[in-house]
Amino acid sequence: MKLISKMFLLCIVCFVTLISYGQQTYKPAHFEKPRSVPMQSIPVGKTISVVDYGAYPDDNKNDWPAICKALAECEQSGGGVRILFPKGTYQIKVSEQKNKLTHAFSLSDVSNFMIEGDEAVLILEDPDVALMTLKNCQVGVIKGLTVDYRTLPFAQGTVVDVDTDTKTFTFQSDGKGGRPTDDNFTRSKTKWGVLFDRENNRLLKDKAPNLVPVREVAGLADENLFRIVTTPNVIEQIAVGDPFAMIARYNGCSTYSVNQCRQITFLNNVHYAGPAGSFGLRESTGINIVNCKIQQKEDRLISQNADCVHVTPSYEGPWIEGCLFEGQMDDAINIKTELVYILKVISDNQFLVGAKLRVNDELSLFNPREGRLIGTCRVLEAVPMDNATKIKVDARFDNLQVGKDKTKDMFFNDSKSNDNFVIKNNVFRNSRRYGMLIQAKNGIIEGNVLENLSTGAITLQNSASWPEGFVPRNIVIENNSIRNAGFDRSYWAEGKDVAPILIRTTTVNKKLAEWKGIRNIQIKNNEIISNSDHTIFLSGAQDIVIEKNRNNAKSDIPYYQENCDNVIIK
């Protein structure tokens, strides 16, 4: 009898454990299928400390080799391991290997793992190297780590002279960031700057370009002075006394680069700087980012050099909750649908395409020149080729323009559109570009605060001119608070076609399309304080519900719509 009782108790404990580690599901009414709630802990069979491998906190010695050994031990075990970083500061220097590495650390082919910091701070010394790449890992939690840089991947200071005739200005570094003539700036293929408000340098300069091109940089006699050449249309917007930051961006060097992974949670992590974005998610499903902070330090103008969360196409989108996104130099969140170039027409229902497709993938065929849907189909056969797939579909299409070009007819893989994404209870503030750029379907955007974002708060659109995402559908935008979203020059240049919440179907030439591609969007119970004429802009959309929003705009027409069907305003 006692044995039976113990076995029953063990079953109960196991059941509760399964629920605790992500087996609970979440399914709003408009989701096509449920998704797992983020895991916050995982049962493991073994705990190893980085101290055991020689990574001693606060000793000012390079801890990179020792941490690599701890991660290698985890890889060799295949998982079931917790790697612990005891409290303190760790120095990470990979200079002797940095020509070979984009990230200081890597973890591959590991399941059921935890990487946990007890108030651990990782200081990277190489400004063009990011923290970690994960590949083919599943069911893991990375939590409690703070990341910063000894040499910052950006320069910051003030404009002290402007010469419009030569299109140059003199930048005085405050010495707290890198130097614009350093090697990492010289090697970077993406370097430009941003102007800030003189009275409050947490804000970008009002109605100024959100990007100052950097054509040339020269150091002057004073080691903190630099002469920068920019473009004619931008130099006129720069004034003496403007705070200025210049980035050396290395695309592909997100703090965490997550590749082909499943069910990974990032929890309670802090990022103060990085050579690119924070979380680069590639072909990874069920990634959770919870209670993380991308944060400016008090004496810094910016945080990350690129998007905080950049999500390439996946079969399931991310869950992003309770986070702070502050001071980054590109979109806070960018979520996409898979673009599929048609490389060759074999017959009217057989094609060679430039993506890895699967049988039963649902495709939409799009004409970007007109911004028009040609038709939809399902993949019946998929034969992998070198960097391509030969497919047969269940519909027939004639007279297509094909090729690897953004003006040609193209498929979008609706099955790989980051379905069931969740963005809730986050704070977005004091940043360049969009709070959210959504080019995906079946999602919820709820309870967020968005303020002081230069190009807008929430944008739902396809990106035909930058072909990386299809028309959003089936999305709820609810209980968000928006203020001062949209104030840079690119925002105001669009004239009437702007608002803090922007929803539009577009062509490759960035014109508004006739096709009403965006559909089934609910915008409810939001507070929207707009510094433009409208709070919501709609074009090329249908089946939209706008209900019980609290609006404050410069005109008495908060909602602007054109070329829309079935827009219900309550």
Foldseek 3Di string as FASTA:
>chain_A
DVVVVVVVVVVVVVVVLCLQAWPDWDDDPLFPDIGTDAHDAFQADEEDELVVQPFDAPPPDASLVSVQVVLVVQQVVQESYEYEYEAHEHEHEDVVCVVPAQASYEHERHERYEYEYPNYEYEYADQRHAHYEYYAYERYEYENYEYYYPAAQKFKAFWAAADLVQQKTKGFTPPPHHACPDPLNVPFPDKWKFWADLVDLLFGDFAAALTWDFDDWDADPPNRMIMTHTDNVRSVVDDGRIIMMMGRADPVNANYEYYCYENYEYYHYEFFEHREEHYHAYQYAAYEYEQYEQDHDPPDSAGYAYENYEHAWYLAAYEYANYEAGRYSYAPAEFAFDWKFFAADPFQFKTKIQDQDDFQFKKWKAQQQQLDTPGIWTWHDWDDDVSIIITGTDDGDPDFAGDPDLRGIIMTGLSRFNAAYEAAHYEYASYEYENYEHQGEHYEHYHYEYESYAQAYAEFEQASLPHTGHGYESYEYENYEYYHGHGYNVNCVVPPQHANYHHFYHHSVRHGHLALRYEHYEYEAYEAATAAAAHYEEGSHEHYEYEHYHYHGPHPHHYHYDSYYHYHYD
